[in-house]
N, C-alpha and C. Protein backbone atom coordinates (compact mmCIF):
# COMPACT_ATOMS: atom_id res chain seq x y z
N UNK A 1 30.12 8.00 -59.64
CA UNK A 1 30.81 7.28 -58.53
C UNK A 1 30.48 7.87 -57.41
N UNK A 2 30.09 7.23 -56.02
CA UNK A 2 29.99 7.91 -54.63
C UNK A 2 31.13 8.36 -54.11
N UNK A 3 30.99 9.54 -53.27
CA UNK A 3 32.16 10.35 -52.80
C UNK A 3 32.80 9.24 -51.71
N UNK A 4 33.81 9.34 -51.35
CA UNK A 4 34.68 8.52 -50.33
C UNK A 4 33.94 8.85 -48.89
N UNK A 5 33.81 8.02 -48.20
CA UNK A 5 33.14 7.81 -46.72
C UNK A 5 34.21 8.79 -46.06
N UNK A 6 33.89 9.53 -44.98
CA UNK A 6 34.88 10.18 -44.41
C UNK A 6 34.60 9.59 -43.14
N UNK A 7 35.80 9.16 -42.60
CA UNK A 7 35.77 8.43 -40.89
C UNK A 7 35.49 9.18 -39.84
N UNK A 8 34.30 9.53 -39.37
CA UNK A 8 33.99 10.37 -38.10
C UNK A 8 34.36 9.47 -36.70
N UNK A 9 35.12 10.40 -35.97
CA UNK A 9 35.45 9.94 -34.66
C UNK A 9 34.37 10.39 -33.33
N UNK A 10 33.67 9.41 -33.06
CA UNK A 10 32.70 9.69 -32.30
C UNK A 10 33.17 9.45 -30.75
N UNK A 11 34.25 9.10 -30.60
CA UNK A 11 34.85 8.61 -29.15
C UNK A 11 34.53 9.76 -28.03
N UNK A 12 34.45 9.15 -26.83
CA UNK A 12 34.26 10.42 -25.55
C UNK A 12 35.41 11.57 -25.93
N UNK A 13 36.70 11.00 -25.85
CA UNK A 13 37.82 12.13 -25.83
C UNK A 13 37.69 12.98 -27.27
N UNK A 14 37.23 12.37 -28.29
CA UNK A 14 37.16 13.20 -29.28
C UNK A 14 35.99 14.06 -29.04
N UNK A 15 35.13 13.87 -28.48
CA UNK A 15 33.67 14.81 -28.46
C UNK A 15 34.10 16.10 -27.49
N UNK A 16 35.00 15.56 -26.68
CA UNK A 16 35.32 16.48 -25.74
C UNK A 16 36.17 17.53 -26.39
N UNK A 17 37.30 16.60 -26.83
CA UNK A 17 38.68 17.72 -27.61
C UNK A 17 37.77 18.48 -28.36
N UNK A 18 36.95 18.43 -29.39
CA UNK A 18 36.22 19.06 -30.39
C UNK A 18 35.33 20.00 -29.92
N UNK A 19 34.48 19.77 -28.90
CA UNK A 19 33.73 20.54 -28.73
C UNK A 19 34.02 22.32 -28.18
N UNK A 20 32.81 23.10 -28.23
CA UNK A 20 33.17 24.28 -28.03
C UNK A 20 33.75 24.39 -26.60
N UNK A 21 34.47 25.72 -26.45
CA UNK A 21 34.87 25.80 -24.76
C UNK A 21 33.83 25.69 -23.97
N UNK A 22 32.78 26.55 -24.34
CA UNK A 22 31.74 26.75 -23.44
C UNK A 22 31.02 25.32 -22.97
N UNK A 23 30.93 24.16 -23.90
CA UNK A 23 30.56 23.04 -23.95
C UNK A 23 31.48 22.32 -23.15
N UNK A 24 32.52 22.56 -23.33
CA UNK A 24 33.54 21.64 -22.40
C UNK A 24 33.81 22.20 -21.21
N UNK A 25 33.45 23.30 -20.83
CA UNK A 25 33.50 23.86 -19.45
C UNK A 25 32.40 23.20 -18.86
N UNK A 26 31.07 23.34 -19.52
CA UNK A 26 29.87 22.47 -18.99
C UNK A 26 30.32 20.89 -18.54
N UNK A 27 31.04 20.34 -19.71
CA UNK A 27 31.13 18.99 -19.26
C UNK A 27 32.32 18.78 -18.04
N UNK A 28 33.23 19.83 -18.16
CA UNK A 28 34.01 19.35 -16.75
C UNK A 28 33.19 19.90 -15.52
N UNK A 29 32.39 20.85 -15.56
CA UNK A 29 31.73 20.97 -14.07
C UNK A 29 30.78 19.65 -13.93
N UNK A 30 30.33 19.07 -14.69
CA UNK A 30 29.61 17.89 -14.45
C UNK A 30 29.92 16.66 -14.09
N UNK A 31 31.39 16.50 -14.68
CA UNK A 31 32.17 15.36 -14.43
C UNK A 31 32.87 15.86 -12.80
N UNK A 32 32.92 16.85 -12.54
CA UNK A 32 33.44 17.41 -11.24
C UNK A 32 32.16 17.07 -10.24
N UNK A 33 31.26 17.59 -10.68
CA UNK A 33 29.95 17.25 -9.77
C UNK A 33 29.46 15.83 -9.38
N UNK A 34 30.05 14.98 -10.81
CA UNK A 34 29.38 13.64 -10.27
C UNK A 34 30.61 12.90 -9.52
N UNK A 35 31.80 13.18 -9.65
CA UNK A 35 33.14 12.68 -9.01
C UNK A 35 32.65 13.10 -7.31
N UNK A 36 32.73 14.34 -7.09
CA UNK A 36 32.26 14.87 -5.57
C UNK A 36 31.13 14.23 -5.26
N UNK A 37 30.01 13.81 -5.97
CA UNK A 37 28.44 13.50 -5.47
C UNK A 37 28.99 12.11 -5.19
N UNK A 38 29.72 11.05 -5.94
CA UNK A 38 30.14 9.77 -5.67
C UNK A 38 31.00 9.88 -4.27
N UNK A 39 32.01 10.62 -4.30
CA UNK A 39 32.50 10.84 -2.75
C UNK A 39 31.55 10.81 -1.57
N UNK A 40 30.69 11.87 -1.82
CA UNK A 40 29.86 12.22 -0.77
C UNK A 40 28.95 10.70 -0.40
N UNK A 41 28.61 10.04 -1.48
CA UNK A 41 27.76 8.68 -1.56
C UNK A 41 28.77 7.83 -0.67
N UNK A 42 29.92 7.58 -0.80
CA UNK A 42 30.68 6.43 -0.38
C UNK A 42 31.14 6.98 1.10
N UNK A 43 31.14 8.19 1.44
CA UNK A 43 31.47 8.54 2.59
C UNK A 43 30.02 8.23 3.56
N UNK A 44 28.85 8.50 2.94
CA UNK A 44 27.71 8.61 3.90
C UNK A 44 27.19 6.68 3.91
N UNK A 45 27.73 6.14 2.95
CA UNK A 45 27.79 4.77 3.68
C UNK A 45 28.38 4.35 4.34
N UNK A 46 29.49 4.66 4.41
CA UNK A 46 30.44 4.29 5.84
C UNK A 46 30.13 4.90 7.10
N UNK A 47 29.55 5.99 6.93
CA UNK A 47 29.21 7.03 8.27
C UNK A 47 27.84 6.40 8.48
N UNK A 48 26.58 6.10 7.90
CA UNK A 48 25.48 5.79 8.54
C UNK A 48 25.77 4.12 9.00
N UNK A 49 26.75 3.53 8.00
CA UNK A 49 26.84 1.88 8.67
C UNK A 49 27.73 2.02 10.02
N UNK A 50 28.30 3.00 10.72
CA UNK A 50 29.44 2.99 11.67
C UNK A 50 28.33 3.57 12.54
N UNK A 51 27.59 4.34 12.11
CA UNK A 51 26.49 4.94 13.15
C UNK A 51 25.39 3.92 13.44
N UNK A 52 24.93 3.04 12.66
CA UNK A 52 24.12 1.89 13.04
C UNK A 52 24.80 0.84 13.80
N UNK A 53 26.08 0.86 13.49
CA UNK A 53 26.90 -0.32 14.55
C UNK A 53 26.88 0.20 15.81
N UNK A 54 27.09 1.56 16.39
CA UNK A 54 27.12 2.18 17.24
C UNK A 54 26.04 2.32 18.02
N UNK A 55 25.26 2.63 17.35
CA UNK A 55 23.77 2.46 17.78
C UNK A 55 23.32 1.17 18.59
N UNK A 56 23.42 0.18 17.60
CA UNK A 56 23.06 -1.35 18.18
C UNK A 56 24.04 -1.61 19.43
N UNK A 57 25.43 -1.23 19.18
CA UNK A 57 26.21 -1.89 20.42
C UNK A 57 26.00 -0.71 21.53
N UNK A 58 25.51 0.33 21.42
CA UNK A 58 25.25 0.97 22.84
C UNK A 58 23.53 0.34 23.47
N UNK A 59 23.00 0.20 22.45
CA UNK A 59 21.50 -0.42 23.11
C UNK A 59 21.55 -1.90 23.60
N UNK A 60 22.66 -2.63 23.06
CA UNK A 60 22.76 -3.92 23.69
C UNK A 60 23.81 -3.72 25.35
N UNK A 61 24.27 -2.72 25.27
CA UNK A 61 24.97 -2.71 26.84
C UNK A 61 24.24 -1.76 27.67
N UNK A 62 23.31 -1.11 27.16
CA UNK A 62 22.38 -0.04 27.99
C UNK A 62 21.50 -0.71 28.33
N UNK A 63 21.11 -1.74 27.78
CA UNK A 63 19.72 -2.75 28.35
C UNK A 63 20.51 -4.07 28.73
N UNK A 64 21.25 -4.34 29.05
CA UNK A 64 22.04 -5.33 29.81
C UNK A 64 22.10 -5.49 31.00
N UNK A 65 21.72 -4.24 31.58
CA UNK A 65 21.60 -4.47 33.05
C UNK A 65 22.68 -3.70 33.90
N UNK A 66 23.69 -3.37 33.13
CA UNK A 66 24.74 -2.43 33.67
C UNK A 66 24.34 -1.09 34.37
N UNK A 67 24.89 -0.64 35.28
CA UNK A 67 24.48 0.47 36.12
C UNK A 67 25.05 1.59 35.24
N UNK A 68 23.82 2.68 35.33
CA UNK A 68 24.10 3.95 34.53
C UNK A 68 25.39 4.62 34.98
N UNK A 69 25.78 4.34 36.00
CA UNK A 69 26.85 5.14 36.28
C UNK A 69 28.44 4.32 35.96
N UNK A 70 28.37 2.98 36.10
CA UNK A 70 29.13 2.30 35.02
C UNK A 70 29.38 2.96 33.67
N UNK A 71 28.56 2.55 33.27
CA UNK A 71 28.11 2.75 31.75
C UNK A 71 28.89 4.60 31.48
N UNK A 72 28.48 5.40 32.03
CA UNK A 72 28.89 6.62 32.11
C UNK A 72 30.35 7.00 31.97
N UNK A 73 30.95 6.10 33.30
CA UNK A 73 32.31 6.24 33.45
C UNK A 73 33.09 5.78 32.18
N UNK A 74 32.69 4.47 31.75
CA UNK A 74 33.05 4.15 30.43
C UNK A 74 33.37 4.83 29.20
N UNK A 75 32.31 5.44 28.73
CA UNK A 75 31.55 6.12 27.59
C UNK A 75 32.21 7.53 27.75
N UNK A 76 32.51 8.41 28.85
CA UNK A 76 32.88 9.74 29.20
C UNK A 76 34.38 9.55 28.76
N UNK A 77 35.05 8.75 28.64
CA UNK A 77 36.42 8.84 28.49
C UNK A 77 36.77 8.61 26.76
N UNK A 78 35.88 8.40 25.86
CA UNK A 78 36.10 8.58 24.66
C UNK A 78 34.88 9.16 23.72
N UNK A 79 35.56 9.63 22.64
CA UNK A 79 34.40 10.22 21.64
C UNK A 79 33.31 9.31 21.30
N UNK A 80 31.81 9.98 21.61
CA UNK A 80 30.76 8.90 21.39
C UNK A 80 29.86 9.69 20.32
N UNK A 81 29.34 8.67 19.65
CA UNK A 81 28.03 9.08 18.56
C UNK A 81 26.62 8.73 18.92
N UNK A 82 25.49 9.14 18.17
CA UNK A 82 24.49 8.32 18.31
C UNK A 82 23.92 8.36 19.58
N UNK A 83 23.34 7.47 20.30
CA UNK A 83 22.86 7.32 21.35
C UNK A 83 23.63 7.36 22.28
N UNK A 84 24.99 6.78 22.37
CA UNK A 84 26.15 7.01 23.19
C UNK A 84 26.39 8.72 23.71
N UNK A 85 26.41 9.35 22.59
CA UNK A 85 26.67 10.76 22.79
C UNK A 85 25.42 11.31 23.55
N UNK A 86 24.32 11.03 23.30
CA UNK A 86 23.23 11.48 23.81
C UNK A 86 23.18 11.33 25.37
N UNK A 87 23.35 10.16 25.77
CA UNK A 87 23.50 9.10 27.17
C UNK A 87 24.61 9.97 27.72
N UNK A 88 25.79 10.15 27.60
CA UNK A 88 26.96 10.96 28.02
C UNK A 88 26.37 12.61 28.40
N UNK A 89 25.61 13.35 27.50
CA UNK A 89 25.52 14.67 27.69
C UNK A 89 24.46 14.33 28.74
N UNK A 90 23.17 13.78 28.68
CA UNK A 90 22.44 13.70 29.81
C UNK A 90 22.67 13.15 31.09
N UNK A 91 23.62 12.44 31.12
CA UNK A 91 24.49 11.94 32.46
C UNK A 91 25.08 13.10 33.06
N UNK A 92 25.89 13.82 32.10
CA UNK A 92 26.52 14.86 32.80
C UNK A 92 25.73 15.84 33.16
N UNK A 93 24.65 16.38 32.61
CA UNK A 93 23.71 17.10 33.18
C UNK A 93 23.09 16.83 34.46
N UNK A 94 22.96 15.54 34.28
CA UNK A 94 22.34 15.03 35.71
C UNK A 94 23.21 15.14 36.92
N UNK A 95 24.24 14.68 36.46
CA UNK A 95 25.45 14.85 37.94
C UNK A 95 25.80 16.31 38.02
N UNK A 96 25.77 17.16 37.30
CA UNK A 96 25.94 18.58 37.50
C UNK A 96 25.15 19.19 38.44
N UNK A 97 23.62 18.66 38.03
CA UNK A 97 22.34 19.20 38.61
C UNK A 97 22.39 18.61 40.41
N UNK A 98 23.04 17.36 40.34
CA UNK A 98 23.19 16.73 41.67
C UNK A 98 24.35 17.56 42.61
N UNK A 99 25.08 17.81 41.84
CA UNK A 99 26.27 18.66 42.33
C UNK A 99 25.72 19.72 43.35
N UNK A 100 24.67 20.56 42.22
CA UNK A 100 24.21 22.08 42.98
C UNK A 100 22.92 21.47 44.46
N UNK A 101 22.27 20.41 44.16
CA UNK A 101 20.86 20.08 44.95
C UNK A 101 21.10 18.68 45.08
N UNK A 102 21.03 18.07 46.42
CA UNK A 102 21.05 16.77 46.64
C UNK A 102 19.93 16.00 46.52
N UNK A 103 18.90 16.72 46.17
CA UNK A 103 17.57 16.01 45.60
C UNK A 103 17.08 16.90 43.91
N UNK A 104 17.01 15.64 43.21
CA UNK A 104 16.86 16.00 41.95
C UNK A 104 15.40 16.77 41.92
N UNK A 105 15.05 17.83 40.85
CA UNK A 105 13.58 18.13 40.94
C UNK A 105 13.28 17.96 39.33
N UNK A 106 11.89 18.20 38.87
CA UNK A 106 11.57 18.03 37.59
C UNK A 106 12.06 18.96 37.13
N UNK A 107 12.68 20.27 37.37
CA UNK A 107 13.67 21.01 36.64
C UNK A 107 14.61 20.60 35.96
N UNK A 108 15.10 19.65 36.73
CA UNK A 108 16.45 19.04 36.42
C UNK A 108 16.07 18.09 35.16
N UNK A 109 15.21 17.28 35.30
CA UNK A 109 14.74 16.54 33.99
C UNK A 109 14.14 17.47 32.72
N UNK A 110 13.74 18.39 32.80
CA UNK A 110 13.54 19.30 31.84
C UNK A 110 15.01 20.06 31.09
N UNK A 111 16.13 19.87 32.06
CA UNK A 111 17.25 20.65 31.49
C UNK A 111 17.89 19.18 30.92
N UNK A 112 17.63 17.89 31.56
CA UNK A 112 18.27 16.95 30.54
C UNK A 112 17.34 16.43 29.22
N UNK A 113 16.00 16.73 29.18
CA UNK A 113 15.54 16.58 28.23
C UNK A 113 15.89 17.76 26.91
N UNK A 114 15.84 18.61 27.54
CA UNK A 114 16.32 19.67 26.39
C UNK A 114 18.14 19.67 25.91
N UNK A 115 18.57 19.27 27.03
CA UNK A 115 20.10 18.50 26.28
C UNK A 115 20.31 17.21 25.12
N UNK A 116 19.42 16.46 25.75
CA UNK A 116 18.95 15.31 24.76
C UNK A 116 18.70 15.76 23.49
N UNK A 117 17.89 16.85 23.38
CA UNK A 117 17.08 17.17 22.30
C UNK A 117 18.35 18.16 21.52
N UNK A 118 19.16 18.78 22.21
CA UNK A 118 20.14 19.43 21.50
C UNK A 118 21.19 18.29 20.57
N UNK A 119 21.35 17.07 21.47
CA UNK A 119 22.52 16.67 21.29
C UNK A 119 21.86 15.91 19.80
N UNK A 120 20.42 15.21 19.69
CA UNK A 120 19.72 14.59 18.67
C UNK A 120 19.83 15.57 17.33
N UNK A 121 19.69 16.79 17.87
CA UNK A 121 19.69 17.38 16.61
C UNK A 121 21.32 17.98 15.92
N UNK A 122 22.20 17.77 16.64
CA UNK A 122 23.67 17.90 16.45
C UNK A 122 24.03 16.61 15.57
N UNK A 123 23.45 15.68 16.19
CA UNK A 123 23.69 14.21 15.53
C UNK A 123 23.04 14.25 14.08
N UNK A 124 22.10 14.59 13.93
CA UNK A 124 21.30 14.63 12.90
C UNK A 124 21.73 15.60 12.08
N UNK A 125 22.27 16.61 12.07
CA UNK A 125 23.29 17.63 11.37
C UNK A 125 24.42 17.21 10.75
N UNK A 126 25.02 16.28 11.64
CA UNK A 126 26.21 15.44 11.19
C UNK A 126 25.74 14.49 10.23
N UNK A 127 24.65 14.01 10.47
CA UNK A 127 24.26 12.93 9.30
C UNK A 127 24.03 13.66 8.20
N UNK A 128 23.10 14.77 7.87
CA UNK A 128 22.64 15.50 6.90
C UNK A 128 23.77 16.45 6.11
N UNK A 129 24.88 16.49 6.91
CA UNK A 129 25.78 17.34 6.18
C UNK A 129 26.29 16.96 4.69
N UNK A 130 26.36 17.59 3.66
CA UNK A 130 26.52 17.54 2.29
C UNK A 130 25.85 16.85 1.64
N UNK A 131 24.42 16.34 2.20
CA UNK A 131 23.27 16.04 1.53
C UNK A 131 22.74 17.10 0.49
N UNK A 132 22.58 18.40 0.79
CA UNK A 132 22.32 19.42 -0.05
C UNK A 132 23.04 19.44 -1.40
N UNK A 133 24.23 18.97 -1.34
CA UNK A 133 24.71 19.05 -2.46
C UNK A 133 24.27 18.16 -3.53
N UNK A 134 24.32 16.94 -2.92
CA UNK A 134 23.37 15.87 -3.98
C UNK A 134 21.87 16.16 -4.57
N UNK A 135 21.36 16.87 -3.49
CA UNK A 135 19.94 17.65 -3.90
C UNK A 135 20.37 18.79 -5.10
N UNK A 136 21.28 19.46 -5.12
CA UNK A 136 21.72 20.47 -5.93
C UNK A 136 21.98 19.91 -7.10
N UNK A 137 22.87 19.00 -7.24
CA UNK A 137 23.12 18.25 -8.58
C UNK A 137 22.17 17.60 -9.16
N UNK A 138 21.20 16.89 -8.24
CA UNK A 138 20.24 16.13 -8.91
C UNK A 138 19.16 16.47 -9.39
N UNK A 139 19.18 18.18 -9.06
CA UNK A 139 18.12 19.34 -9.67
C UNK A 139 18.46 20.14 -10.66
N UNK A 140 19.76 20.29 -10.57
CA UNK A 140 20.55 21.34 -11.89
C UNK A 140 21.25 20.56 -12.59
N UNK A 141 21.74 19.56 -12.23
CA UNK A 141 22.61 19.03 -13.38
C UNK A 141 22.01 18.63 -15.05
N UNK A 142 20.64 17.98 -14.91
CA UNK A 142 20.22 17.99 -15.99
C UNK A 142 19.98 19.11 -17.00
N UNK A 143 19.69 20.47 -16.44
CA UNK A 143 19.79 21.58 -17.06
C UNK A 143 20.67 22.42 -17.28
N UNK A 144 21.82 21.95 -16.89
CA UNK A 144 23.28 22.73 -17.09
C UNK A 144 23.58 21.62 -18.27
N UNK A 145 23.15 20.56 -18.31
CA UNK A 145 23.59 19.42 -19.32
C UNK A 145 22.95 19.97 -20.70
N UNK A 146 21.51 20.25 -20.49
CA UNK A 146 20.71 21.04 -21.53
C UNK A 146 21.48 22.38 -22.42
N UNK A 147 21.97 22.96 -21.15
CA UNK A 147 22.64 24.28 -21.53
C UNK A 147 23.75 24.02 -22.60
N UNK A 148 24.39 23.04 -22.11
CA UNK A 148 25.47 22.88 -22.92
C UNK A 148 24.93 22.10 -24.32
N UNK A 149 23.92 21.57 -24.35
CA UNK A 149 23.46 20.84 -25.62
C UNK A 149 23.15 22.06 -26.28
N UNK A 150 22.14 22.83 -25.84
CA UNK A 150 21.46 24.01 -26.68
C UNK A 150 23.06 24.84 -27.16
N UNK A 151 23.86 25.04 -26.54
CA UNK A 151 24.94 25.82 -27.10
C UNK A 151 25.41 24.65 -28.13
N UNK A 152 26.09 23.85 -28.10
CA UNK A 152 26.64 23.04 -28.84
C UNK A 152 25.87 22.70 -30.26
N UNK A 153 24.57 22.84 -30.04
CA UNK A 153 23.74 22.54 -31.06
C UNK A 153 23.64 23.73 -32.30
N UNK A 154 23.92 24.91 -31.43
CA UNK A 154 23.98 26.12 -32.18
C UNK A 154 25.36 26.27 -32.73
N UNK A 155 26.20 25.88 -32.16
CA UNK A 155 27.64 26.05 -32.80
C UNK A 155 27.36 25.26 -34.08
N UNK A 156 27.00 24.09 -34.14
CA UNK A 156 26.93 22.79 -35.02
C UNK A 156 26.30 23.59 -36.32
N UNK A 157 24.94 24.43 -35.91
CA UNK A 157 24.44 25.04 -37.22
C UNK A 157 25.21 26.16 -37.76
N UNK A 158 26.04 26.75 -36.52
CA UNK A 158 26.71 27.62 -37.30
C UNK A 158 27.82 27.09 -38.53
N UNK A 159 28.57 26.24 -37.89
CA UNK A 159 29.25 25.38 -38.71
C UNK A 159 28.94 24.99 -39.86
N UNK A 160 27.37 24.38 -39.94
CA UNK A 160 26.74 24.14 -40.94
C UNK A 160 26.56 24.99 -41.99
N UNK A 161 26.20 26.12 -41.42
CA UNK A 161 26.20 27.47 -42.54
C UNK A 161 27.18 27.98 -43.03
N UNK A 162 28.19 28.16 -42.38
CA UNK A 162 29.56 28.59 -43.00
C UNK A 162 30.10 27.47 -43.97
N UNK A 163 30.03 26.10 -43.57
CA UNK A 163 30.22 25.13 -44.49
C UNK A 163 29.49 25.02 -45.55
N UNK A 164 28.20 25.35 -45.56
CA UNK A 164 27.25 24.86 -46.67
C UNK A 164 27.45 23.37 -46.85
N UNK A 165 27.44 22.52 -46.07
CA UNK A 165 27.55 21.19 -46.20
C UNK A 165 26.51 20.49 -45.08
N UNK A 166 25.48 19.95 -45.70
CA UNK A 166 24.82 19.29 -44.70
C UNK A 166 25.03 17.93 -44.56
N UNK A 167 26.15 17.40 -45.21
CA UNK A 167 26.85 15.92 -44.92
C UNK A 167 26.87 15.52 -43.68
N UNK A 168 26.08 14.18 -43.42
CA UNK A 168 26.22 13.59 -42.21
C UNK A 168 27.74 13.83 -41.48
N UNK A 169 28.66 13.38 -42.25
CA UNK A 169 30.09 13.62 -41.53
C UNK A 169 30.30 14.91 -40.87
N UNK A 170 29.76 16.02 -41.19
CA UNK A 170 29.84 17.28 -40.99
C UNK A 170 28.77 17.55 -39.78
N UNK A 171 27.39 17.28 -39.90
CA UNK A 171 26.57 17.29 -39.07
C UNK A 171 26.98 16.32 -37.62
N UNK A 172 26.86 15.17 -37.96
CA UNK A 172 26.91 14.23 -36.58
C UNK A 172 27.93 14.33 -35.45
N UNK A 173 28.89 14.81 -35.57
CA UNK A 173 29.99 15.26 -34.62
C UNK A 173 29.30 16.66 -33.55
N UNK A 174 29.11 17.28 -34.05
CA UNK A 174 28.64 18.73 -33.55
C UNK A 174 27.56 18.32 -32.79
N UNK A 175 26.25 17.29 -33.37
CA UNK A 175 25.17 16.81 -32.46
C UNK A 175 25.57 16.04 -31.62
N UNK A 176 26.54 15.14 -31.78
CA UNK A 176 26.93 14.16 -30.63
C UNK A 176 27.65 14.94 -29.74
N UNK A 177 28.56 15.90 -30.02
CA UNK A 177 28.59 16.32 -28.78
C UNK A 177 27.94 17.60 -27.94
N UNK A 178 27.03 17.89 -28.43
CA UNK A 178 26.02 18.44 -27.77
C UNK A 178 25.15 17.47 -26.68
N UNK A 179 24.83 16.48 -27.18
CA UNK A 179 24.08 15.50 -26.59
C UNK A 179 24.97 14.92 -25.53
N UNK A 180 26.17 14.82 -25.90
CA UNK A 180 26.91 14.18 -24.73
C UNK A 180 27.03 15.11 -23.55
N UNK A 181 26.65 16.26 -23.88
CA UNK A 181 26.73 17.23 -22.27
C UNK A 181 25.18 17.09 -21.78
N UNK A 182 24.21 16.58 -22.47
CA UNK A 182 22.81 16.23 -21.68
C UNK A 182 23.29 14.65 -20.97
N UNK A 183 23.86 13.90 -21.62
CA UNK A 183 24.02 12.39 -21.14
C UNK A 183 24.95 12.69 -19.90
N UNK A 184 25.97 13.19 -19.90
CA UNK A 184 27.01 13.82 -18.73
C UNK A 184 25.76 14.22 -17.57
N UNK A 185 24.87 15.58 -17.77
CA UNK A 185 24.10 15.54 -16.46
C UNK A 185 23.48 14.95 -16.20
N UNK A 186 22.84 14.12 -16.97
CA UNK A 186 22.25 12.57 -16.61
C UNK A 186 22.59 11.84 -15.50
N UNK A 187 24.08 11.47 -15.85
CA UNK A 187 24.99 11.04 -15.38
C UNK A 187 25.10 11.22 -14.00
N UNK A 188 25.26 12.54 -13.98
CA UNK A 188 25.58 13.37 -12.56
C UNK A 188 24.10 13.54 -11.79
N UNK A 189 23.13 13.75 -12.61
CA UNK A 189 21.98 13.80 -11.54
C UNK A 189 21.22 12.46 -10.93
N UNK A 190 21.16 11.27 -11.90
CA UNK A 190 20.47 10.47 -11.20
C UNK A 190 20.65 9.65 -10.32
N UNK A 191 22.24 9.52 -9.96
CA UNK A 191 22.90 8.70 -8.66
C UNK A 191 22.44 9.97 -7.67
N UNK A 192 22.65 11.02 -7.68
CA UNK A 192 22.50 12.00 -6.58
C UNK A 192 20.98 12.00 -6.27
N UNK A 193 20.24 12.03 -7.25
CA UNK A 193 18.69 12.01 -6.65
C UNK A 193 17.86 10.59 -5.88
N UNK A 194 18.91 9.74 -6.57
CA UNK A 194 18.65 8.12 -5.87
C UNK A 194 19.04 8.04 -4.49
N UNK A 195 20.24 8.48 -4.46
CA UNK A 195 21.27 8.49 -3.05
C UNK A 195 20.57 9.44 -1.91
N UNK A 196 20.02 10.68 -2.74
CA UNK A 196 19.50 11.85 -1.60
C UNK A 196 18.51 11.04 -0.94
N UNK A 197 17.57 10.65 -1.65
CA UNK A 197 16.27 9.93 -1.17
C UNK A 197 16.53 9.05 -0.06
N UNK A 198 17.27 7.99 -0.60
CA UNK A 198 17.84 7.25 0.35
C UNK A 198 18.28 7.48 1.64
N UNK A 199 19.42 8.62 1.69
CA UNK A 199 19.99 8.91 3.01
C UNK A 199 19.23 9.65 3.62
N UNK A 200 18.31 10.33 3.04
CA UNK A 200 16.98 10.90 3.81
C UNK A 200 16.44 9.99 4.68
N UNK A 201 15.88 8.87 3.67
CA UNK A 201 15.27 7.97 4.63
C UNK A 201 15.93 7.48 6.07
N UNK A 202 17.37 7.31 5.67
CA UNK A 202 18.53 6.68 6.64
C UNK A 202 18.23 7.52 7.58
N UNK A 203 18.46 8.79 7.47
CA UNK A 203 18.75 9.81 8.79
C UNK A 203 17.47 9.78 9.49
N UNK A 204 16.18 9.66 8.75
CA UNK A 204 14.73 9.77 9.46
C UNK A 204 14.74 8.74 10.46
N UNK A 205 15.20 7.76 9.66
CA UNK A 205 15.17 6.21 10.77
C UNK A 205 16.04 6.31 12.05
N UNK A 206 17.14 6.78 11.82
CA UNK A 206 18.39 6.88 12.91
C UNK A 206 17.91 8.05 13.79
N UNK A 207 17.37 9.30 13.29
CA UNK A 207 16.81 10.21 14.18
C UNK A 207 15.59 9.67 14.91
N UNK A 208 14.86 8.82 14.37
CA UNK A 208 13.53 8.26 15.28
C UNK A 208 14.41 7.34 16.15
N UNK A 209 15.09 6.71 16.13
CA UNK A 209 15.94 5.81 16.93
C UNK A 209 16.40 6.78 18.08
N UNK A 210 16.91 7.45 17.75
CA UNK A 210 17.33 8.12 18.82
C UNK A 210 16.48 8.89 19.92
N UNK A 211 15.15 9.76 19.18
CA UNK A 211 14.24 10.03 19.81
C UNK A 211 13.82 9.07 20.54
N UNK A 212 13.33 8.09 20.22
CA UNK A 212 12.51 6.75 20.83
C UNK A 212 13.46 6.70 22.23
N UNK A 213 14.88 6.43 22.01
CA UNK A 213 15.48 6.18 23.29
C UNK A 213 15.48 7.43 24.34
N UNK A 214 15.50 8.71 23.83
CA UNK A 214 15.42 9.88 24.52
C UNK A 214 14.13 9.76 25.52
N UNK A 215 13.21 9.21 24.86
CA UNK A 215 11.91 9.15 25.65
C UNK A 215 11.92 8.25 26.76
N UNK A 216 12.44 7.19 26.28
CA UNK A 216 12.64 5.93 27.29
C UNK A 216 13.72 6.32 28.40
N UNK A 217 14.82 6.96 28.25
CA UNK A 217 15.62 7.48 29.18
C UNK A 217 14.99 8.80 29.94
N UNK A 218 14.54 9.21 29.40
CA UNK A 218 13.37 10.17 30.05
C UNK A 218 12.61 9.77 31.18
N UNK A 219 12.12 8.66 30.56
CA UNK A 219 11.03 7.82 31.62
C UNK A 219 11.92 7.16 32.74
N UNK A 220 12.94 6.64 32.43
CA UNK A 220 13.72 6.36 33.61
C UNK A 220 14.10 7.25 34.72
N UNK A 221 14.84 8.69 34.12
CA UNK A 221 15.36 9.71 35.05
C UNK A 221 13.89 9.84 35.77
N UNK A 222 12.82 9.91 35.07
CA UNK A 222 11.68 10.58 36.00
C UNK A 222 11.34 9.72 37.18
N UNK A 223 11.30 8.17 36.95
CA UNK A 223 11.34 7.30 38.09
C UNK A 223 12.24 7.57 39.29
N UNK A 224 13.61 8.27 38.42
CA UNK A 224 14.69 8.29 39.72
C UNK A 224 14.16 9.61 40.54
N UNK A 225 13.58 10.50 39.73
CA UNK A 225 13.52 11.64 40.57
C UNK A 225 11.93 11.45 41.70
N UNK A 226 11.20 10.70 41.38
CA UNK A 226 10.07 10.47 41.85
C UNK A 226 10.67 9.85 43.11
N UNK A 227 11.24 8.76 43.38
CA UNK A 227 11.95 7.85 44.36
C UNK A 227 12.70 8.83 45.10
N UNK A 228 13.34 9.72 44.89
CA UNK A 228 14.23 10.53 45.39
C UNK A 228 13.16 11.64 46.53
């Protein structure tokens, strides 16, 4: 007569509840990392969409023929991002320089270019904020999950040695718990790596647009200085 089959519960909750405390801590850490990564991903989607929208809107207004003074007066009354922030900072420096001397010089242009560079760096830093967390999760989560797997397998082998039973019902739960840690590591790492690379490319493109506008605006100011 065959021995009665023992039901083995391999549900997610059962795997977590029956895992060793070290493996449980690894699982909790990976789950929290995954949740925080997705929070960053969603936040960046909205931030970059708003950034692109504000950039497109400013470019449309700037090249519509409206005077620089009118545009500056309209934008200086509110908080700006992207090109608008760079334009306001440059115009503010321009006006301060005119208050000191009636005739602008090339030194004024150098200061304005410096102001625009600082603004570009500040906007880029804001876009890149918390992206390092995605990079960290993407590079470390698989190894953290592997650590949980190794620890879980060691615990399973100890349980097998103590019970002196290699029945599948005894071996399967421990191995499944161990592999579940690796699965969680990959679940956290794969989206983090994908979106980190995507967002890095987005930041590079948005920064390139700001740098291009800075060059064009510097040329406009240079012509204004030459006319003075």
